[in-house]
Amino acid sequence: MKKLLSAVLVLALALALCAFAAAEGSMSYADYAAAQIDDEVTITAYVQAHQDWWDGKVTIYAADQDGAYFLYEVPMSEEDAAKLVPGAKFTATGFKSEWSGEVEIVDVSSFEFVDGDAYIAEPVDV
């Protein structure tokens, strides 16, 4: 009986960990770069800059330690837009798109701030 109970508990823990990993769901930059245009993408990144909030939307320039992201017209409240300070960490889900040769994330359906250390990318002159 103890072996059966132990096996059930181990199985429950494994399923819980799988559910947590699936909920996390963020892609690495390499996975994002490899995604096809029109694929749904989920990223965790850091605000580097943003355009002014307007009509319930804001455009965000973001980065992580491996690459950069451009999120176009992310729907959010003006109060949340005020939290878009350089270095703020967030997770967003949208669709990878291309416009005029520029890759971007559009139709963002989920955006939330995440607790964690701030990150500001070091500018590089290329």
N, C-alpha and C. Protein backbone atom coordinates (compact mmCIF):
# COMPACT_ATOMS: atom_id res chain seq x y z
N MET A 1 0.82 -1.20 0.00
CA MET A 1 0.00 0.00 0.00
C MET A 1 0.86 1.26 0.00
N LYS A 2 1.96 1.24 0.78
CA LYS A 2 2.83 2.42 0.83
C LYS A 2 3.49 2.65 -0.52
N LYS A 3 3.85 1.56 -1.22
CA LYS A 3 4.47 1.71 -2.54
C LYS A 3 3.48 2.32 -3.53
N LEU A 4 2.24 1.88 -3.46
CA LEU A 4 1.22 2.42 -4.35
C LEU A 4 0.98 3.90 -4.06
N LEU A 5 0.88 4.25 -2.79
CA LEU A 5 0.68 5.65 -2.41
C LEU A 5 1.89 6.49 -2.85
N SER A 6 3.08 5.98 -2.66
CA SER A 6 4.29 6.70 -3.09
C SER A 6 4.30 6.90 -4.60
N ALA A 7 3.92 5.87 -5.35
CA ALA A 7 3.89 5.98 -6.81
C ALA A 7 2.86 7.02 -7.25
N VAL A 8 1.70 7.04 -6.60
CA VAL A 8 0.67 8.01 -6.94
C VAL A 8 1.15 9.43 -6.64
N LEU A 9 1.81 9.62 -5.49
CA LEU A 9 2.32 10.94 -5.14
C LEU A 9 3.41 11.40 -6.12
N VAL A 10 4.29 10.50 -6.51
CA VAL A 10 5.34 10.84 -7.48
C VAL A 10 4.71 11.22 -8.81
N LEU A 11 3.71 10.46 -9.24
CA LEU A 11 3.02 10.76 -10.49
C LEU A 11 2.33 12.13 -10.42
N ALA A 12 1.69 12.41 -9.30
CA ALA A 12 1.01 13.70 -9.13
C ALA A 12 2.01 14.85 -9.16
N LEU A 13 3.15 14.68 -8.52
CA LEU A 13 4.19 15.71 -8.53
C LEU A 13 4.72 15.93 -9.94
N ALA A 14 4.95 14.84 -10.68
CA ALA A 14 5.44 14.95 -12.06
C ALA A 14 4.44 15.69 -12.94
N LEU A 15 3.16 15.37 -12.79
CA LEU A 15 2.13 16.05 -13.57
C LEU A 15 2.05 17.54 -13.21
N ALA A 16 2.20 17.85 -11.93
CA ALA A 16 2.17 19.24 -11.50
C ALA A 16 3.34 20.01 -12.09
N LEU A 17 4.51 19.41 -12.11
CA LEU A 17 5.68 20.06 -12.69
C LEU A 17 5.50 20.27 -14.19
N CYS A 18 4.91 19.30 -14.88
CA CYS A 18 4.66 19.46 -16.32
C CYS A 18 3.67 20.58 -16.57
N ALA A 19 2.65 20.68 -15.75
CA ALA A 19 1.66 21.75 -15.90
C ALA A 19 2.30 23.10 -15.65
N PHE A 20 3.19 23.19 -14.65
CA PHE A 20 3.88 24.44 -14.37
C PHE A 20 4.77 24.83 -15.54
N ALA A 21 5.51 23.88 -16.10
CA ALA A 21 6.39 24.16 -17.23
C ALA A 21 5.57 24.62 -18.43
N ALA A 22 4.43 24.00 -18.67
CA ALA A 22 3.58 24.40 -19.80
C ALA A 22 3.02 25.80 -19.57
N ALA A 23 2.69 26.11 -18.31
CA ALA A 23 2.17 27.44 -18.02
C ALA A 23 3.24 28.50 -18.22
N GLU A 24 4.47 28.18 -17.86
CA GLU A 24 5.58 29.10 -18.09
C GLU A 24 5.62 29.42 -19.57
N GLY A 25 5.86 28.42 -20.40
CA GLY A 25 5.71 28.52 -21.83
C GLY A 25 6.54 29.53 -22.60
N SER A 26 7.42 30.28 -21.96
CA SER A 26 8.21 31.25 -22.70
C SER A 26 9.24 30.57 -23.59
N MET A 27 9.44 31.16 -24.75
CA MET A 27 10.41 30.65 -25.71
C MET A 27 11.77 31.29 -25.43
N SER A 28 12.81 30.59 -25.79
CA SER A 28 14.13 31.21 -25.80
C SER A 28 14.18 32.13 -27.02
N TYR A 29 15.18 33.01 -27.07
CA TYR A 29 15.29 33.86 -28.25
C TYR A 29 15.52 33.02 -29.50
N ALA A 30 16.30 31.94 -29.38
CA ALA A 30 16.57 31.08 -30.53
C ALA A 30 15.27 30.45 -31.05
N ASP A 31 14.40 30.02 -30.13
CA ASP A 31 13.10 29.46 -30.54
C ASP A 31 12.23 30.52 -31.21
N TYR A 32 12.26 31.74 -30.66
CA TYR A 32 11.51 32.85 -31.25
C TYR A 32 12.03 33.15 -32.66
N ALA A 33 13.33 33.22 -32.81
CA ALA A 33 13.93 33.51 -34.12
C ALA A 33 13.60 32.42 -35.14
N ALA A 34 13.52 31.17 -34.67
CA ALA A 34 13.23 30.05 -35.57
C ALA A 34 11.74 29.92 -35.90
N ALA A 35 10.87 30.57 -35.11
CA ALA A 35 9.43 30.48 -35.36
C ALA A 35 9.11 31.08 -36.73
N GLN A 36 8.12 30.52 -37.36
CA GLN A 36 7.69 31.00 -38.68
C GLN A 36 6.80 32.23 -38.51
N ILE A 37 6.72 33.05 -39.55
CA ILE A 37 5.80 34.18 -39.56
C ILE A 37 4.38 33.64 -39.38
N ASP A 38 3.58 34.31 -38.58
CA ASP A 38 2.21 33.95 -38.22
C ASP A 38 2.12 32.89 -37.13
N ASP A 39 3.27 32.39 -36.60
CA ASP A 39 3.24 31.47 -35.46
C ASP A 39 2.94 32.26 -34.19
N GLU A 40 2.22 31.61 -33.27
CA GLU A 40 2.02 32.22 -31.96
C GLU A 40 3.33 32.10 -31.18
N VAL A 41 3.72 33.16 -30.51
CA VAL A 41 4.96 33.19 -29.74
C VAL A 41 4.68 33.73 -28.34
N THR A 42 5.42 33.22 -27.37
CA THR A 42 5.37 33.71 -26.00
C THR A 42 6.79 34.01 -25.58
N ILE A 43 7.02 35.24 -25.17
CA ILE A 43 8.37 35.66 -24.78
C ILE A 43 8.37 36.22 -23.36
N THR A 44 9.52 36.16 -22.74
CA THR A 44 9.77 36.89 -21.51
C THR A 44 10.96 37.79 -21.82
N ALA A 45 10.78 39.09 -21.63
CA ALA A 45 11.81 40.05 -22.02
C ALA A 45 11.76 41.25 -21.08
N TYR A 46 12.58 42.24 -21.39
CA TYR A 46 12.72 43.42 -20.56
C TYR A 46 12.49 44.67 -21.41
N VAL A 47 11.72 45.60 -20.90
CA VAL A 47 11.45 46.85 -21.59
C VAL A 47 12.77 47.60 -21.77
N GLN A 48 13.01 48.06 -22.98
CA GLN A 48 14.17 48.92 -23.24
C GLN A 48 13.69 50.34 -23.50
N ALA A 49 12.57 50.47 -24.18
CA ALA A 49 11.94 51.76 -24.45
C ALA A 49 10.52 51.48 -24.94
N HIS A 50 9.72 52.52 -25.07
CA HIS A 50 8.37 52.35 -25.62
C HIS A 50 7.91 53.68 -26.19
N GLN A 51 6.94 53.57 -27.07
CA GLN A 51 6.30 54.77 -27.60
C GLN A 51 5.19 55.17 -26.64
N ASP A 52 4.69 56.37 -26.76
CA ASP A 52 3.64 56.84 -25.86
C ASP A 52 2.39 55.99 -25.98
N TRP A 53 1.71 55.82 -24.84
CA TRP A 53 0.42 55.14 -24.81
C TRP A 53 -0.57 55.99 -25.59
N TRP A 54 -1.38 55.32 -26.40
CA TRP A 54 -2.38 56.03 -27.19
C TRP A 54 -3.53 55.10 -27.50
N ASP A 55 -4.73 55.52 -27.20
CA ASP A 55 -5.94 54.80 -27.58
C ASP A 55 -5.93 53.36 -27.07
N GLY A 56 -5.44 53.16 -25.84
CA GLY A 56 -5.45 51.84 -25.22
C GLY A 56 -4.35 50.91 -25.70
N LYS A 57 -3.33 51.44 -26.38
CA LYS A 57 -2.24 50.60 -26.91
C LYS A 57 -0.90 51.30 -26.72
N VAL A 58 0.16 50.48 -26.71
CA VAL A 58 1.52 51.01 -26.63
C VAL A 58 2.44 50.08 -27.42
N THR A 59 3.44 50.65 -28.07
CA THR A 59 4.42 49.88 -28.82
C THR A 59 5.70 49.80 -27.98
N ILE A 60 6.25 48.58 -27.85
CA ILE A 60 7.35 48.34 -26.91
C ILE A 60 8.58 47.82 -27.65
N TYR A 61 9.73 48.37 -27.29
CA TYR A 61 11.03 47.86 -27.73
C TYR A 61 11.57 47.09 -26.54
N ALA A 62 11.88 45.82 -26.74
CA ALA A 62 12.29 44.97 -25.63
C ALA A 62 13.52 44.15 -26.01
N ALA A 63 14.15 43.56 -25.00
CA ALA A 63 15.32 42.72 -25.25
C ALA A 63 15.47 41.75 -24.08
N ASP A 64 16.24 40.71 -24.33
CA ASP A 64 16.76 39.86 -23.26
C ASP A 64 18.25 39.74 -23.52
N GLN A 65 18.92 38.85 -22.81
CA GLN A 65 20.36 38.74 -22.96
C GLN A 65 20.78 38.19 -24.32
N ASP A 66 19.83 37.62 -25.09
CA ASP A 66 20.17 36.97 -26.36
C ASP A 66 19.67 37.69 -27.60
N GLY A 67 18.74 38.61 -27.47
CA GLY A 67 18.21 39.27 -28.67
C GLY A 67 17.18 40.33 -28.33
N ALA A 68 16.59 40.88 -29.39
CA ALA A 68 15.65 42.00 -29.23
C ALA A 68 14.28 41.65 -29.83
N TYR A 69 13.26 42.36 -29.35
CA TYR A 69 11.88 42.13 -29.77
C TYR A 69 11.22 43.49 -29.99
N PHE A 70 10.29 43.53 -30.93
CA PHE A 70 9.48 44.72 -31.18
C PHE A 70 8.03 44.29 -31.06
N LEU A 71 7.32 44.82 -30.09
CA LEU A 71 5.92 44.47 -29.87
C LEU A 71 5.06 45.65 -30.30
N TYR A 72 4.23 45.43 -31.32
CA TYR A 72 3.46 46.49 -31.94
C TYR A 72 2.05 46.58 -31.38
N GLU A 73 1.70 47.76 -30.90
CA GLU A 73 0.35 48.07 -30.42
C GLU A 73 -0.18 47.05 -29.43
N VAL A 74 0.50 46.95 -28.30
CA VAL A 74 0.09 46.05 -27.22
C VAL A 74 -1.06 46.71 -26.46
N PRO A 75 -2.21 46.03 -26.38
CA PRO A 75 -3.32 46.62 -25.64
C PRO A 75 -3.04 46.62 -24.14
N MET A 76 -3.21 47.78 -23.49
CA MET A 76 -3.06 47.87 -22.04
C MET A 76 -3.62 49.19 -21.55
N SER A 77 -3.86 49.24 -20.26
CA SER A 77 -4.39 50.46 -19.65
C SER A 77 -3.28 51.50 -19.55
N GLU A 78 -3.69 52.73 -19.40
CA GLU A 78 -2.72 53.81 -19.24
C GLU A 78 -1.92 53.62 -17.95
N GLU A 79 -2.56 53.06 -16.92
CA GLU A 79 -1.87 52.81 -15.65
C GLU A 79 -0.76 51.77 -15.83
N ASP A 80 -1.04 50.69 -16.59
CA ASP A 80 0.00 49.69 -16.85
C ASP A 80 1.10 50.25 -17.74
N ALA A 81 0.73 51.10 -18.69
CA ALA A 81 1.73 51.70 -19.58
C ALA A 81 2.72 52.53 -18.78
N ALA A 82 2.28 53.12 -17.67
CA ALA A 82 3.17 53.91 -16.83
C ALA A 82 4.23 53.03 -16.15
N LYS A 83 3.98 51.73 -16.07
CA LYS A 83 4.93 50.79 -15.45
C LYS A 83 6.00 50.32 -16.43
N LEU A 84 5.93 50.75 -17.68
CA LEU A 84 6.88 50.33 -18.71
C LEU A 84 8.18 51.14 -18.59
N VAL A 85 8.88 50.93 -17.51
CA VAL A 85 10.16 51.62 -17.30
C VAL A 85 11.28 50.75 -17.84
N PRO A 86 12.37 51.35 -18.29
CA PRO A 86 13.48 50.54 -18.79
C PRO A 86 13.93 49.50 -17.75
N GLY A 87 14.05 48.27 -18.23
CA GLY A 87 14.47 47.17 -17.37
C GLY A 87 13.33 46.34 -16.81
N ALA A 88 12.08 46.82 -16.90
CA ALA A 88 10.94 46.07 -16.36
C ALA A 88 10.76 44.75 -17.12
N LYS A 89 10.57 43.68 -16.36
CA LYS A 89 10.44 42.33 -16.94
C LYS A 89 8.96 42.02 -17.19
N PHE A 90 8.68 41.37 -18.32
CA PHE A 90 7.31 41.02 -18.67
C PHE A 90 7.27 39.75 -19.50
N THR A 91 6.09 39.16 -19.58
CA THR A 91 5.81 38.04 -20.47
C THR A 91 4.66 38.45 -21.37
N ALA A 92 4.78 38.12 -22.66
CA ALA A 92 3.73 38.48 -23.62
C ALA A 92 3.53 37.34 -24.62
N THR A 93 2.29 37.19 -25.07
CA THR A 93 1.95 36.22 -26.09
C THR A 93 1.28 36.96 -27.24
N GLY A 94 1.75 36.68 -28.45
CA GLY A 94 1.19 37.29 -29.65
C GLY A 94 1.60 36.47 -30.86
N PHE A 95 1.61 37.09 -32.02
CA PHE A 95 1.95 36.38 -33.25
C PHE A 95 3.13 37.06 -33.93
N LYS A 96 4.08 36.24 -34.35
CA LYS A 96 5.24 36.76 -35.06
C LYS A 96 4.78 37.23 -36.43
N SER A 97 5.19 38.43 -36.81
CA SER A 97 4.74 39.02 -38.05
C SER A 97 5.92 39.74 -38.71
N GLU A 98 5.69 40.15 -39.94
CA GLU A 98 6.70 40.93 -40.65
C GLU A 98 5.99 42.04 -41.41
N TRP A 99 6.55 43.23 -41.31
CA TRP A 99 6.01 44.36 -42.04
C TRP A 99 7.18 45.15 -42.60
N SER A 100 7.23 45.31 -43.89
CA SER A 100 8.28 46.08 -44.56
C SER A 100 9.67 45.56 -44.18
N GLY A 101 9.80 44.25 -44.07
CA GLY A 101 11.09 43.64 -43.78
C GLY A 101 11.46 43.62 -42.30
N GLU A 102 10.62 44.18 -41.45
CA GLU A 102 10.90 44.20 -40.01
C GLU A 102 10.05 43.14 -39.31
N VAL A 103 10.67 42.37 -38.45
CA VAL A 103 9.97 41.33 -37.69
C VAL A 103 9.43 41.95 -36.41
N GLU A 104 8.20 41.60 -36.08
CA GLU A 104 7.54 42.17 -34.90
C GLU A 104 6.57 41.16 -34.30
N ILE A 105 6.10 41.47 -33.11
CA ILE A 105 5.05 40.67 -32.47
C ILE A 105 3.79 41.53 -32.48
N VAL A 106 2.71 40.98 -33.04
CA VAL A 106 1.45 41.70 -33.18
C VAL A 106 0.33 40.91 -32.51
N ASP A 107 -0.84 41.52 -32.46
CA ASP A 107 -2.04 40.88 -31.90
C ASP A 107 -1.74 40.24 -30.55
N VAL A 108 -1.12 41.02 -29.67
CA VAL A 108 -0.76 40.52 -28.34
C VAL A 108 -2.04 40.25 -27.55
N SER A 109 -2.19 38.99 -27.12
CA SER A 109 -3.40 38.59 -26.40
C SER A 109 -3.16 38.52 -24.90
N SER A 110 -1.90 38.48 -24.49
CA SER A 110 -1.58 38.36 -23.08
C SER A 110 -0.32 39.16 -22.80
N PHE A 111 -0.36 39.99 -21.76
CA PHE A 111 0.79 40.77 -21.34
C PHE A 111 0.73 40.89 -19.84
N GLU A 112 1.81 40.50 -19.15
CA GLU A 112 1.85 40.68 -17.71
C GLU A 112 3.26 40.96 -17.24
N PHE A 113 3.35 41.82 -16.25
CA PHE A 113 4.64 42.13 -15.66
C PHE A 113 5.05 40.96 -14.78
N VAL A 114 6.37 40.71 -14.71
CA VAL A 114 6.92 39.60 -13.95
C VAL A 114 7.92 40.16 -12.95
N ASP A 115 7.86 39.68 -11.73
CA ASP A 115 8.86 40.08 -10.74
C ASP A 115 10.21 39.49 -11.13
N GLY A 116 11.25 40.23 -10.89
CA GLY A 116 12.59 39.76 -11.18
C GLY A 116 13.55 40.91 -11.36
N ASP A 117 14.80 40.57 -11.51
CA ASP A 117 15.82 41.58 -11.71
C ASP A 117 15.58 42.32 -13.02
N ALA A 118 15.94 43.59 -13.04
CA ALA A 118 15.85 44.41 -14.25
C ALA A 118 17.03 44.09 -15.16
N TYR A 119 16.83 44.34 -16.46
CA TYR A 119 17.91 44.15 -17.43
C TYR A 119 17.80 45.26 -18.47
N ILE A 120 18.90 45.94 -18.69
CA ILE A 120 18.98 46.94 -19.76
C ILE A 120 20.15 46.53 -20.65
N ALA A 121 19.87 46.34 -21.91
CA ALA A 121 20.89 45.88 -22.86
C ALA A 121 21.97 46.94 -23.05
N GLU A 122 23.19 46.48 -23.20
CA GLU A 122 24.32 47.37 -23.48
C GLU A 122 24.27 47.77 -24.94
N PRO A 123 24.20 49.07 -25.25
CA PRO A 123 24.17 49.49 -26.66
C PRO A 123 25.48 49.13 -27.36
N VAL A 124 25.35 48.71 -28.61
CA VAL A 124 26.52 48.35 -29.40
C VAL A 124 26.45 49.11 -30.72
N ASP A 125 27.53 49.76 -31.09
CA ASP A 125 27.61 50.49 -32.34
C ASP A 125 28.03 49.52 -33.43
N VAL A 126 27.13 49.25 -34.37
CA VAL A 126 27.46 48.33 -35.47
C VAL A 126 27.56 49.12 -36.73
